[in-house]
Amino acid sequence: MSKVLRLKLVLLLLFLITVGHAQKLESTAPEEVGMSTQRLDRLSKVMEQYVKDGKMAGNVTLIARKGKIVYHQAFGKSDMELNKEMTTDAIFRIASQTKAIVSVAIMILQEEGKLLIADPIGNYLPEWNETTVAQKKEDGGYEVVPAQRKITIRDLLTHTAGIGYGHGPAKDEWKAAGIQNWYFADRNEPIAETIARMAKLPMDAQPGERFVYGYNTDILGVIVEKVSGQSLDQFIKERILEPLEMKDTYFYLPKNKSDRLATSYMAYSGKDLERAPNPGLGVGQGHYVKGPRKSFSGGAGLLSTSLDYATFLQMMLNGGAYNGNQILSPKTVELMISDHVVSRDITYSGRSGSGFGLGFSVTKDVGQRGVPGSVGTYEWGGAYGSTYWVDPVEELVVVYFKQLIPTNGVDDHAKLRNLVYQAIIE
């Protein structure tokens, strides 16, 4: 990033901070913030067509610019069998979008002087003091070798700890331990117990060697519990959700809100959409209403609404402030949305033209990325087909939720991005 562009971003961030304390997301006409109602209608037509073509049951899209909501629409059905219309307050399984919220929880603790992201995680979870790595052999097997250094909190935040989702070279050992994939809602034990067992398994790569997407943020969630003395759900509720008035975000739904949970579907080539099995570990309806309610997955466990999640992202865009609450300092936000991977010559397997910050993918080169956006845009998504991004240059927040896994290659994410940016007229 050039010095001039960096200065512009910093000045923009400082400006947003001055208005951030009083700001609360409210609706306005798109033209009031430089967007076109007529052009946003193009987005509506495309989203409606996905439903008509049977590519998804339904979805919800929210767009905010300059602190104002200009588009918040629901399409299709939240439950096809029950013929329930999708509504903008529908609750979705946001899966890996949980990671951003838990990353903020870690940074809150750093701001309070209770930890440093440079700390080895063994300082807080002693069973992680010494770890091993499954090193591939020429014959296709692997050997277990000691890790060359200790895993740090920063490694976890950037997914450079070498920890996957149990499908690396030593996947046989991970399978035998019952620790694979991202789903925890069915587990009848606190997540700290699962993570303690995980420490004994061989990791996929050496710490700091390369980007490996996996259980990193689940481990961070346990660190939050150890350092704060609270369960992860309670810490997040008190320090993030309640100050931001995110009233519909949970690990496990209250019974009086269970009817708002959108149904999960599966899309396969040449077949009609299929209702995912119940409970259907990982891809189905899940245990978010009737499960054990013991395991709080920091990597993929939260449920939320489009408005709740947009509020969280607006807080980040405001430099850590929202509606009179300073969740993080602007310098902490700046650190989180800076690239910590590509800039350190760590092998990155993510999006072209991007790096990775402390919980977010970060655009470094728009031309190389090949899609509309701005340098400094940060984003991620979830396993059920949800996605989000924040563009600091355009003062833009976008949240898109659906419940579809697998997706059969639907191109909605790419079209969404183009249709949002073509609606910006000034």
Protein backbone atom coordinates (compact mmCIF):
# COMPACT_ATOMS: atom_id res chain seq x y z
CA MET A 1 0.00 0.00 0.00
CA SER A 2 1.41 3.42 -0.97
CA LYS A 3 2.09 6.03 1.72
CA VAL A 4 -0.48 8.38 0.18
CA LEU A 5 -3.21 5.74 0.16
CA ARG A 6 -2.33 4.69 3.69
CA LEU A 7 -2.59 8.31 4.84
CA LYS A 8 -6.00 8.66 3.16
CA LEU A 9 -7.26 5.52 4.90
CA VAL A 10 -5.98 6.72 8.27
CA LEU A 11 -7.62 10.14 7.82
CA LEU A 12 -10.88 8.45 6.79
CA LEU A 13 -10.70 6.20 9.84
CA LEU A 14 -10.16 9.19 12.12
CA PHE A 15 -13.14 10.97 10.57
CA LEU A 16 -15.35 7.94 11.07
CA ILE A 17 -14.30 7.75 14.70
CA THR A 18 -15.53 11.30 15.36
CA VAL A 19 -19.04 10.37 14.21
CA GLY A 20 -18.93 6.75 15.32
CA HIS A 21 -19.91 7.27 18.93
CA ALA A 22 -23.28 8.75 17.98
CA GLN A 23 -23.92 6.55 14.98
CA LYS A 24 -26.55 3.83 14.91
CA LEU A 25 -27.55 2.01 11.73
CA GLU A 26 -30.74 3.49 10.33
CA SER A 27 -32.29 3.36 6.88
CA THR A 28 -32.12 6.11 4.27
CA ALA A 29 -32.72 6.53 0.55
CA PRO A 30 -29.75 5.20 -1.46
CA GLU A 31 -29.35 8.54 -3.23
CA GLU A 32 -28.67 10.25 0.11
CA VAL A 33 -25.35 8.38 0.35
CA GLY A 34 -24.38 8.20 -3.31
CA MET A 35 -26.11 5.01 -4.42
CA SER A 36 -28.87 4.39 -6.95
CA THR A 37 -32.26 2.88 -6.17
CA GLN A 38 -32.72 1.99 -9.82
CA ARG A 39 -29.39 0.19 -9.96
CA LEU A 40 -30.05 -1.66 -6.71
CA ASP A 41 -33.19 -3.04 -8.37
CA ARG A 42 -30.83 -5.01 -10.60
CA LEU A 43 -29.58 -6.79 -7.49
CA SER A 44 -33.14 -7.63 -6.45
CA LYS A 45 -33.93 -9.15 -9.84
CA VAL A 46 -30.87 -11.37 -9.72
CA MET A 47 -31.59 -12.55 -6.18
CA GLU A 48 -35.20 -13.29 -7.08
CA GLN A 49 -34.03 -15.27 -10.10
CA TYR A 50 -31.80 -17.53 -8.01
CA VAL A 51 -34.90 -18.51 -6.04
CA LYS A 52 -37.09 -18.94 -9.14
CA ASP A 53 -34.44 -21.14 -10.75
CA GLY A 54 -34.32 -23.37 -7.69
CA LYS A 55 -30.67 -22.63 -6.95
CA MET A 56 -31.41 -21.66 -3.35
CA ALA A 57 -34.40 -21.52 -1.03
CA GLY A 58 -33.89 -17.88 -0.09
CA ASN A 59 -31.47 -15.24 1.13
CA VAL A 60 -31.16 -11.88 2.88
CA THR A 61 -28.95 -9.02 1.71
CA LEU A 62 -28.06 -5.86 3.64
CA ILE A 63 -26.05 -2.93 2.30
CA ALA A 64 -25.01 0.08 4.37
CA ARG A 65 -23.05 3.09 3.17
CA LYS A 66 -21.77 6.00 5.22
CA GLY A 67 -23.46 4.58 8.28
CA LYS A 68 -26.90 4.27 6.68
CA ILE A 69 -28.77 1.18 5.49
CA VAL A 70 -29.73 1.63 1.84
CA TYR A 71 -30.82 -1.92 1.05
CA HIS A 72 -32.21 -4.67 3.28
CA GLN A 73 -34.19 -7.27 1.37
CA ALA A 74 -35.29 -10.87 1.86
CA PHE A 75 -36.00 -13.28 -1.01
CA GLY A 76 -37.58 -16.71 -1.27
CA LYS A 77 -38.42 -19.03 1.60
CA SER A 78 -36.87 -19.65 4.99
CA ASP A 79 -38.56 -23.08 4.92
CA MET A 80 -39.78 -24.46 1.60
CA GLU A 81 -41.71 -27.39 3.04
CA LEU A 82 -43.62 -25.16 5.45
CA ASN A 83 -43.97 -22.42 2.81
CA LYS A 84 -42.51 -19.83 5.20
CA GLU A 85 -41.45 -16.57 3.58
CA MET A 86 -37.90 -15.40 4.20
CA THR A 87 -37.87 -12.25 6.33
CA THR A 88 -35.13 -9.73 7.00
CA ASP A 89 -35.04 -10.75 10.67
CA ALA A 90 -34.44 -14.43 9.88
CA ILE A 91 -31.69 -16.06 11.96
CA PHE A 92 -28.87 -17.83 10.13
CA ARG A 93 -26.04 -20.20 11.00
CA ILE A 94 -23.10 -17.90 10.27
CA ALA A 95 -20.39 -20.57 10.77
CA SER A 96 -16.95 -19.03 10.13
CA GLN A 97 -18.28 -15.50 10.40
CA THR A 98 -18.02 -16.26 14.12
CA LYS A 99 -14.24 -15.93 13.73
CA ALA A 100 -14.28 -12.15 13.35
CA ILE A 101 -16.26 -11.68 16.57
CA VAL A 102 -13.97 -13.96 18.58
CA SER A 103 -10.92 -12.25 17.11
CA VAL A 104 -12.31 -8.96 18.45
CA ALA A 105 -12.74 -10.63 21.87
CA ILE A 106 -9.02 -11.48 21.89
CA MET A 107 -8.10 -7.91 20.99
CA ILE A 108 -10.29 -6.58 23.82
CA LEU A 109 -8.22 -8.67 26.23
CA GLN A 110 -4.98 -7.34 24.73
CA GLU A 111 -6.25 -3.77 25.18
CA GLU A 112 -6.89 -4.56 28.84
CA GLY A 113 -3.32 -5.79 29.30
CA LYS A 114 -4.42 -9.35 30.02
CA LEU A 115 -2.54 -10.93 27.12
CA LEU A 116 -0.35 -10.11 24.13
CA ILE A 117 -0.93 -11.60 20.71
CA ALA A 118 2.81 -12.31 20.57
CA ASP A 119 2.42 -14.65 23.58
CA PRO A 120 2.80 -18.42 23.15
CA ILE A 121 -0.60 -19.99 23.62
CA GLY A 122 1.00 -22.39 26.10
CA ASN A 123 1.12 -19.48 28.55
CA TYR A 124 -2.65 -19.86 28.87
CA LEU A 125 -3.20 -23.46 27.76
CA PRO A 126 -0.24 -25.44 29.15
CA GLU A 127 -1.02 -28.54 27.09
CA TRP A 128 -0.07 -26.49 24.02
CA ASN A 129 3.45 -25.70 25.25
CA GLU A 130 4.97 -28.43 23.12
CA THR A 131 3.32 -29.53 19.87
CA THR A 132 4.18 -31.81 16.98
CA VAL A 133 3.85 -31.70 13.19
CA ALA A 134 3.03 -34.47 10.70
CA GLN A 135 5.78 -34.18 8.10
CA LYS A 136 5.06 -35.83 4.75
CA LYS A 137 7.40 -38.56 3.48
CA GLU A 138 8.22 -39.46 -0.11
CA ASP A 139 6.37 -42.78 0.19
CA GLY A 140 3.13 -40.93 0.89
CA GLY A 141 3.22 -41.49 4.63
CA TYR A 142 4.29 -39.08 7.35
CA GLU A 143 6.53 -38.84 10.34
CA VAL A 144 5.79 -36.91 13.51
CA VAL A 145 8.40 -34.28 14.36
CA PRO A 146 8.57 -31.63 17.08
CA ALA A 147 7.33 -28.14 16.24
CA GLN A 148 10.25 -25.81 15.56
CA ARG A 149 8.78 -23.12 17.81
CA LYS A 150 5.83 -22.42 20.04
CA ILE A 151 2.50 -21.42 18.55
CA THR A 152 1.51 -17.83 19.35
CA ILE A 153 -1.85 -16.11 19.61
CA ARG A 154 -0.96 -14.15 16.50
CA ASP A 155 -0.42 -17.43 14.65
CA LEU A 156 -3.97 -18.42 15.55
CA LEU A 157 -5.44 -15.06 14.53
CA THR A 158 -3.76 -15.29 11.12
CA HIS A 159 -4.25 -19.05 10.59
CA THR A 160 -0.50 -19.57 10.36
CA ALA A 161 -0.21 -21.98 13.30
CA GLY A 162 -0.26 -25.02 11.01
CA ILE A 163 -3.59 -26.24 12.43
CA GLY A 164 -6.19 -27.48 9.95
CA TYR A 165 -9.59 -29.10 10.30
CA GLY A 166 -8.27 -32.61 10.84
CA HIS A 167 -7.70 -33.56 7.20
CA GLY A 168 -3.93 -33.06 6.93
CA PRO A 169 -1.17 -35.68 6.67
CA ALA A 170 -2.15 -37.21 10.04
CA LYS A 171 -5.88 -37.27 9.33
CA ASP A 172 -6.04 -40.88 10.55
CA GLU A 173 -5.05 -39.75 14.05
CA TRP A 174 -7.46 -36.83 13.99
CA LYS A 175 -10.27 -39.10 12.90
CA ALA A 176 -9.47 -41.59 15.64
CA ALA A 177 -9.59 -38.73 18.16
CA GLY A 178 -13.03 -37.70 16.89
CA ILE A 179 -11.84 -34.22 15.91
CA GLN A 180 -12.53 -33.37 12.29
CA ASN A 181 -14.49 -30.63 10.51
CA TRP A 182 -15.79 -27.42 12.02
CA TYR A 183 -19.03 -28.52 13.71
CA PHE A 184 -19.12 -28.55 17.54
CA ALA A 185 -22.81 -28.05 18.41
CA ASP A 186 -23.42 -31.77 18.90
CA ARG A 187 -20.62 -32.23 21.46
CA ASN A 188 -21.66 -33.01 24.99
CA GLU A 189 -18.54 -31.46 26.53
CA PRO A 190 -17.07 -27.98 26.98
CA ILE A 191 -14.95 -26.97 24.03
CA ALA A 192 -11.92 -26.59 26.31
CA GLU A 193 -11.86 -30.37 26.75
CA THR A 194 -11.90 -30.95 23.00
CA ILE A 195 -9.13 -28.40 22.45
CA ALA A 196 -7.00 -29.99 25.19
CA ARG A 197 -7.15 -33.34 23.37
CA MET A 198 -6.36 -31.61 20.10
CA ALA A 199 -3.00 -30.40 21.45
CA LYS A 200 -1.70 -33.98 21.46
CA LEU A 201 -2.33 -34.50 17.72
CA PRO A 202 0.22 -33.81 14.92
CA MET A 203 -0.45 -30.51 13.16
CA ASP A 204 -0.41 -29.95 9.40
CA ALA A 205 2.54 -27.55 9.17
CA GLN A 206 5.19 -25.82 11.23
CA PRO A 207 4.09 -22.62 13.04
CA GLY A 208 4.61 -19.61 10.79
CA GLU A 209 5.27 -21.74 7.70
CA ARG A 210 2.07 -21.21 5.74
CA PHE A 211 -1.61 -20.29 5.92
CA VAL A 212 -3.61 -23.32 7.10
CA TYR A 213 -7.32 -22.73 7.67
CA GLY A 214 -8.67 -24.65 10.62
CA TYR A 215 -9.41 -24.80 14.34
CA ASN A 216 -7.34 -21.73 15.17
CA THR A 217 -10.22 -19.52 16.31
CA ASP A 218 -11.78 -22.33 18.35
CA ILE A 219 -8.53 -22.37 20.33
CA LEU A 220 -8.72 -18.58 20.65
CA GLY A 221 -12.19 -18.98 22.15
CA VAL A 222 -10.78 -21.22 24.88
CA ILE A 223 -8.04 -18.65 25.56
CA VAL A 224 -10.76 -16.02 26.00
CA GLU A 225 -12.39 -18.29 28.58
CA LYS A 226 -9.15 -18.96 30.46
CA VAL A 227 -8.04 -15.33 30.56
CA SER A 228 -11.43 -13.76 31.33
CA GLY A 229 -12.70 -16.42 33.71
CA GLN A 230 -15.99 -16.46 31.81
CA SER A 231 -17.50 -18.84 29.28
CA LEU A 232 -17.03 -17.65 25.72
CA ASP A 233 -20.73 -17.01 25.22
CA GLN A 234 -20.93 -14.88 28.36
CA PHE A 235 -17.83 -12.82 27.53
CA ILE A 236 -19.02 -12.10 24.01
CA LYS A 237 -22.50 -11.26 25.26
CA GLU A 238 -21.26 -8.76 27.88
CA ARG A 239 -18.39 -7.19 25.95
CA ILE A 240 -19.63 -7.19 22.33
CA LEU A 241 -23.24 -8.23 21.77
CA GLU A 242 -24.98 -6.21 24.50
CA PRO A 243 -23.03 -2.95 23.94
CA LEU A 244 -23.82 -3.22 20.22
CA GLU A 245 -27.45 -4.22 20.88
CA MET A 246 -26.99 -7.40 18.87
CA LYS A 247 -30.11 -9.00 20.33
CA ASP A 248 -30.39 -11.94 17.92
CA THR A 249 -26.87 -13.40 18.03
CA TYR A 250 -26.36 -16.63 19.99
CA PHE A 251 -24.46 -19.90 20.09
CA TYR A 252 -27.73 -21.71 20.87
CA LEU A 253 -31.15 -20.24 20.19
CA PRO A 254 -33.72 -19.46 22.88
CA LYS A 255 -36.82 -21.56 22.24
CA ASN A 256 -38.92 -18.47 21.62
CA LYS A 257 -36.75 -17.58 18.61
CA SER A 258 -36.34 -21.05 17.12
CA ASP A 259 -39.06 -20.46 14.51
CA ARG A 260 -36.90 -17.71 12.98
CA LEU A 261 -33.98 -20.05 12.20
CA ALA A 262 -33.73 -20.43 8.42
CA THR A 263 -33.73 -24.01 7.17
CA SER A 264 -30.56 -25.46 5.69
CA TYR A 265 -30.70 -27.00 2.21
CA MET A 266 -28.35 -28.98 -0.03
CA ALA A 267 -27.82 -28.35 -3.76
CA TYR A 268 -26.59 -31.13 -6.03
CA SER A 269 -26.18 -31.11 -9.81
CA GLY A 270 -29.26 -32.28 -11.68
CA LYS A 271 -31.43 -32.51 -8.58
CA ASP A 272 -33.95 -30.28 -6.82
CA LEU A 273 -32.90 -28.68 -3.56
CA GLU A 274 -32.94 -31.14 -0.68
CA ARG A 275 -33.76 -30.28 2.91
CA ALA A 276 -30.65 -31.05 4.94
CA PRO A 277 -31.03 -33.92 7.42
CA ASN A 278 -31.88 -33.29 11.03
CA PRO A 279 -29.65 -33.03 12.96
CA GLY A 280 -27.22 -33.57 10.07
CA LEU A 281 -23.82 -32.92 11.55
CA GLY A 282 -22.15 -29.97 9.90
CA VAL A 283 -24.48 -29.62 6.92
CA GLY A 284 -27.92 -30.17 8.40
CA GLN A 285 -30.31 -28.38 10.70
CA GLY A 286 -27.91 -28.87 13.58
CA HIS A 287 -28.22 -28.89 17.34
CA TYR A 288 -28.62 -25.14 17.74
CA VAL A 289 -32.08 -25.50 19.27
CA LYS A 290 -32.18 -28.96 20.87
CA GLY A 291 -28.50 -29.86 21.28
CA PRO A 292 -26.43 -30.27 24.46
CA ARG A 293 -25.59 -26.52 24.49
CA LYS A 294 -22.19 -27.15 26.05
CA SER A 295 -19.65 -26.43 23.31
CA PHE A 296 -19.11 -22.80 22.31
CA SER A 297 -17.25 -22.90 19.00
CA GLY A 298 -15.27 -19.72 18.49
CA GLY A 299 -14.53 -20.80 14.93
CA ALA A 300 -17.99 -21.55 13.61
CA GLY A 301 -20.67 -21.66 16.30
CA LEU A 302 -22.72 -18.46 16.19
CA LEU A 303 -26.17 -17.74 14.81
CA SER A 304 -27.12 -14.20 13.82
CA THR A 305 -29.26 -11.88 11.72
CA SER A 306 -28.17 -9.63 8.87
CA LEU A 307 -28.80 -6.50 10.95
CA ASP A 308 -26.89 -7.80 13.97
CA TYR A 309 -23.88 -8.73 11.89
CA ALA A 310 -23.96 -5.46 9.95
CA THR A 311 -23.93 -3.64 13.29
CA PHE A 312 -20.78 -5.51 14.30
CA LEU A 313 -19.12 -4.63 10.99
CA GLN A 314 -20.18 -0.99 11.25
CA MET A 315 -18.45 -0.86 14.62
CA MET A 316 -15.26 -2.04 12.91
CA LEU A 317 -15.70 0.50 10.11
CA ASN A 318 -16.19 3.22 12.74
CA GLY A 319 -12.79 2.46 14.21
CA GLY A 320 -14.13 0.31 17.05
CA ALA A 321 -16.96 2.66 18.12
CA TYR A 322 -20.73 2.36 17.80
CA ASN A 323 -23.67 4.16 19.37
CA GLY A 324 -21.67 5.58 22.25
CA ASN A 325 -19.66 2.42 22.94
CA GLN A 326 -15.93 2.10 22.22
CA ILE A 327 -15.41 -1.65 21.78
CA LEU A 328 -11.86 -1.31 20.45
CA SER A 329 -9.44 1.53 19.88
CA PRO A 330 -8.93 2.70 16.28
CA LYS A 331 -5.28 1.60 16.38
CA THR A 332 -6.34 -1.92 17.31
CA VAL A 333 -8.78 -1.97 14.39
CA GLU A 334 -6.00 -0.72 12.12
CA LEU A 335 -3.79 -3.58 13.29
CA MET A 336 -6.56 -6.13 12.71
CA ILE A 337 -7.27 -5.07 9.12
CA SER A 338 -3.60 -4.95 8.11
CA ASP A 339 -2.04 -7.88 6.27
CA HIS A 340 0.04 -10.09 8.59
CA VAL A 341 0.71 -12.98 6.19
CA VAL A 342 1.77 -12.06 2.66
CA SER A 343 3.76 -9.08 3.96
CA ARG A 344 5.78 -11.52 6.10
CA ASP A 345 6.44 -13.86 3.14
CA ILE A 346 4.29 -16.61 4.64
CA THR A 347 2.77 -18.86 1.96
CA TYR A 348 -0.85 -17.78 1.52
CA SER A 349 -3.41 -20.02 -0.18
CA GLY A 350 -6.31 -17.56 0.04
CA ARG A 351 -7.75 -15.10 -2.44
CA SER A 352 -5.48 -13.70 -5.17
CA GLY A 353 -4.48 -10.11 -4.55
CA SER A 354 -5.18 -10.47 -0.84
CA GLY A 355 -3.43 -11.05 2.45
CA PHE A 356 -4.80 -11.97 5.85
CA GLY A 357 -5.12 -9.86 8.97
CA LEU A 358 -6.22 -10.70 12.50
CA GLY A 359 -9.42 -12.50 11.59
CA PHE A 360 -10.08 -11.11 8.11
CA SER A 361 -8.93 -11.51 4.52
CA VAL A 362 -7.60 -8.13 3.34
CA THR A 363 -7.44 -6.83 -0.26
CA LYS A 364 -3.94 -5.66 -1.20
CA ASP A 365 -4.23 -5.29 -4.99
CA VAL A 366 -7.62 -4.71 -6.69
CA GLY A 367 -6.30 -5.51 -10.16
CA GLN A 368 -4.78 -8.77 -9.05
CA ARG A 369 -7.93 -9.61 -7.11
CA GLY A 370 -9.95 -9.07 -10.29
CA VAL A 371 -13.25 -8.01 -8.69
CA PRO A 372 -14.67 -4.58 -7.75
CA GLY A 373 -13.53 -3.21 -4.41
CA SER A 374 -10.83 -1.12 -2.79
CA VAL A 375 -7.43 -1.68 -1.27
CA GLY A 376 -7.99 -2.30 2.41
CA THR A 377 -11.35 -4.08 2.03
CA TYR A 378 -11.67 -6.82 4.65
CA GLU A 379 -13.99 -9.80 4.50
CA TRP A 380 -14.77 -13.47 5.04
CA GLY A 381 -17.71 -15.85 4.89
CA GLY A 382 -19.33 -18.97 6.29
CA ALA A 383 -19.81 -22.61 5.33
CA TYR A 384 -23.54 -22.23 4.70
CA GLY A 385 -22.89 -19.79 1.86
CA SER A 386 -22.90 -16.50 3.77
CA THR A 387 -20.41 -13.72 3.11
CA TYR A 388 -19.60 -10.17 4.13
CA TRP A 389 -17.18 -7.38 3.41
CA VAL A 390 -16.28 -3.91 4.63
CA ASP A 391 -14.82 -1.36 2.20
CA PRO A 392 -13.29 1.53 4.21
CA VAL A 393 -12.70 3.67 1.12
CA GLU A 394 -16.35 3.52 0.03
CA GLU A 395 -17.58 3.45 3.68
CA LEU A 396 -19.47 0.32 2.71
CA VAL A 397 -20.77 -2.66 4.71
CA VAL A 398 -22.33 -5.67 2.95
CA VAL A 399 -23.87 -8.75 4.61
CA TYR A 400 -25.29 -11.65 2.61
CA PHE A 401 -26.89 -14.68 4.29
CA LYS A 402 -28.19 -17.93 2.91
CA GLN A 403 -28.28 -21.54 4.21
CA LEU A 404 -27.00 -23.78 1.41
CA ILE A 405 -24.32 -26.46 1.73
CA PRO A 406 -23.17 -27.77 -0.70
CA THR A 407 -23.97 -24.98 -3.16
CA ASN A 408 -23.51 -26.76 -6.52
CA GLY A 409 -21.30 -23.92 -7.71
CA VAL A 410 -23.86 -21.11 -7.65
CA ASP A 411 -22.23 -17.82 -8.71
CA ASP A 412 -24.11 -15.54 -6.32
CA HIS A 413 -21.08 -14.19 -4.45
CA ALA A 414 -19.39 -12.85 -7.59
CA LYS A 415 -22.61 -11.35 -8.93
CA LEU A 416 -23.46 -9.81 -5.55
CA ARG A 417 -20.14 -8.01 -5.47
CA ASN A 418 -20.51 -6.58 -8.96
CA LEU A 419 -24.13 -5.58 -8.40
CA VAL A 420 -23.32 -3.75 -5.16
CA TYR A 421 -20.50 -1.71 -6.66
CA GLN A 422 -22.34 -0.85 -9.88
CA ALA A 423 -24.99 0.79 -7.69
CA ILE A 424 -22.49 3.35 -6.34
CA ILE A 425 -22.91 6.52 -8.41
CA GLU A 426 -20.85 9.02 -6.44
